[in-house]
Structures are given as structure tokens and as C-alpha cells.
Amino acid sequence: MIENTNDSSNPVLTFEGKKYLINELSNEIKESIKVLQIAETQLKMHEDTLKLISISRKSIANQLKEKLKNLE
């Protein structure tokens, strides 16, 4: 979403194919950008958590399968 430029004092926001100089945006828009970045970070964290849970579930299912084989 935010693209770094050589001039770090004036970062660029790339949003829906358009570029905006962040320093020229209103404080309200800058706050919206921050909130969106937080939301994206949280989403990524929860996606990673779901992947870990899925892997754990598969592992537990495989362990159960092996234990049940011994009963046959």
C-alpha cells in the first residue's frame, strides 16, 4: 500500500493505482491510512494463526489415525 521513495521525508501512498504524497494529505486521511495498516497487520497475524491451527489439526488427526490402527 505504501511505496517507499528515495526521498524518505515525503513517502508516497499508492492506493487503487493512484499515487499520493502522504505529507500533502489531511490528518484525517493519514489517520485512516494508519488504521488500515493496523487492520492489514492484524489480518495477516490471524491468517498465520489459522495456518498453524490447521497444521496442528492435521497432525493430531494423523496421530489419532495411527492410534486407532493399533486397535484393529
C-alpha atoms as a PDB file:
ATOM      1  CA  MET A   1       0.000   0.000   0.000  1.00  0.00           C
ATOM      2  CA  ILE A   2       2.743   2.496   0.886  1.00  0.00           C
ATOM      3  CA  GLU A   3       5.565   2.740  -1.555  1.00  0.00           C
ATOM      4  CA  ASN A   4       8.960   3.948  -0.429  1.00  0.00           C
ATOM      5  CA  THR A   5      10.667   6.598  -2.492  1.00  0.00           C
ATOM      6  CA  ASN A   6      14.244   7.829  -2.439  1.00  0.00           C
ATOM      7  CA  ASP A   7      13.008  10.870  -0.550  1.00  0.00           C
ATOM      8  CA  SER A   8      12.049   9.327   2.805  1.00  0.00           C
ATOM      9  CA  SER A   9      10.828  12.715   4.047  1.00  0.00           C
ATOM     10  CA  ASN A  10       7.866  12.540   1.669  1.00  0.00           C
ATOM     11  CA  PRO A  11       6.559   8.959   1.371  1.00  0.00           C
ATOM     12  CA  VAL A  12       4.071   8.020  -1.326  1.00  0.00           C
ATOM     13  CA  LEU A  13       0.775   6.220  -0.829  1.00  0.00           C
ATOM     14  CA  THR A  14      -0.223   4.007  -3.739  1.00  0.00           C
ATOM     15  CA  PHE A  15      -3.918   3.238  -3.465  1.00  0.00           C
ATOM     16  CA  GLU A  16      -6.092   1.740  -6.197  1.00  0.00           C
ATOM     17  CA  GLY A  17      -3.494   2.534  -8.837  1.00  0.00           C
ATOM     18  CA  LYS A  18      -3.059   6.189  -7.873  1.00  0.00           C
ATOM     19  CA  LYS A  19      -0.147   7.796  -6.031  1.00  0.00           C
ATOM     20  CA  TYR A  20      -0.467  10.414  -3.317  1.00  0.00           C
ATOM     21  CA  LEU A  21       2.202  12.319  -1.395  1.00  0.00           C
ATOM     22  CA  ILE A  22       1.416  11.436   2.199  1.00  0.00           C
ATOM     23  CA  ASN A  23       2.728  14.720   3.602  1.00  0.00           C
ATOM     24  CA  GLU A  24       0.166  16.563   1.488  1.00  0.00           C
ATOM     25  CA  LEU A  25      -2.807  14.561   2.796  1.00  0.00           C
ATOM     26  CA  SER A  26      -5.068  15.725   5.610  1.00  0.00           C
ATOM     27  CA  ASN A  27      -4.588  14.412   9.133  1.00  0.00           C
ATOM     28  CA  GLU A  28      -7.905  12.588   8.842  1.00  0.00           C
ATOM     29  CA  ILE A  29      -6.676  10.710   5.772  1.00  0.00           C
ATOM     30  CA  LYS A  30      -3.319   9.963   7.442  1.00  0.00           C
ATOM     31  CA  GLU A  31      -5.200   8.507  10.415  1.00  0.00           C
ATOM     32  CA  SER A  32      -7.260   6.337   8.053  1.00  0.00           C
ATOM     33  CA  ILE A  33      -4.035   5.079   6.482  1.00  0.00           C
ATOM     34  CA  LYS A  34      -2.658   4.148   9.914  1.00  0.00           C
ATOM     35  CA  VAL A  35      -5.868   2.320  10.850  1.00  0.00           C
ATOM     36  CA  LEU A  36      -5.856   0.445   7.539  1.00  0.00           C
ATOM     37  CA  GLN A  37      -2.227  -0.602   8.084  1.00  0.00           C
ATOM     38  CA  ILE A  38      -3.105  -1.888  11.565  1.00  0.00           C
ATOM     39  CA  ALA A  39      -6.063  -3.813  10.166  1.00  0.00           C
ATOM     40  CA  GLU A  40      -3.863  -5.372   7.477  1.00  0.00           C
ATOM     41  CA  THR A  41      -1.266  -6.358  10.080  1.00  0.00           C
ATOM     42  CA  GLN A  42      -3.923  -7.935  12.293  1.00  0.00           C
ATOM     43  CA  LEU A  43      -5.418  -9.788   9.328  1.00  0.00           C
ATOM     44  CA  LYS A  44      -2.010 -11.221   8.405  1.00  0.00           C
ATOM     45  CA  MET A  45      -1.399 -12.283  12.009  1.00  0.00           C
ATOM     46  CA  HIS A  46      -4.747 -14.091  12.188  1.00  0.00           C
ATOM     47  CA  GLU A  47      -4.208 -15.745   8.803  1.00  0.00           C
ATOM     48  CA  ASP A  48      -0.882 -17.081  10.095  1.00  0.00           C
ATOM     49  CA  THR A  49      -2.596 -18.308  13.283  1.00  0.00           C
ATOM     50  CA  LEU A  50      -5.216 -20.147  11.212  1.00  0.00           C
ATOM     51  CA  LYS A  51      -2.453 -21.824   9.190  1.00  0.00           C
ATOM     52  CA  LEU A  52      -0.778 -23.020  12.387  1.00  0.00           C
ATOM     53  CA  ILE A  53      -4.061 -24.346  13.781  1.00  0.00           C
ATOM     54  CA  SER A  54      -4.742 -26.170  10.525  1.00  0.00           C
ATOM     55  CA  ILE A  55      -1.304 -27.808  10.577  1.00  0.00           C
ATOM     56  CA  SER A  56      -1.805 -28.816  14.216  1.00  0.00           C
ATOM     57  CA  ARG A  57      -5.225 -30.278  13.457  1.00  0.00           C
ATOM     58  CA  LYS A  58      -3.788 -32.374  10.622  1.00  0.00           C
ATOM     59  CA  SER A  59      -1.006 -33.614  12.878  1.00  0.00           C
ATOM     60  CA  ILE A  60      -3.431 -34.571  15.652  1.00  0.00           C
ATOM     61  CA  ALA A  61      -5.693 -36.333  13.130  1.00  0.00           C
ATOM     62  CA  ASN A  62      -2.704 -38.315  11.838  1.00  0.00           C
ATOM     63  CA  GLN A  63      -1.747 -39.270  15.404  1.00  0.00           C
ATOM     64  CA  LEU A  64      -5.314 -40.401  16.077  1.00  0.00           C
ATOM     65  CA  LYS A  65      -5.317 -42.417  12.865  1.00  0.00           C
ATOM     66  CA  GLU A  66      -2.141 -44.237  13.953  1.00  0.00           C
ATOM     67  CA  LYS A  67      -3.515 -44.927  17.444  1.00  0.00           C
ATOM     68  CA  LEU A  68      -6.754 -46.313  16.004  1.00  0.00           C
ATOM     69  CA  LYS A  69      -4.800 -48.606  13.654  1.00  0.00           C
ATOM     70  CA  ASN A  70      -3.347 -50.306  16.707  1.00  0.00           C
ATOM     71  CA  LEU A  71      -6.850 -51.212  17.894  1.00  0.00           C
ATOM     72  CA  GLU A  72      -7.755 -53.132  14.756  1.00  0.00           C
END
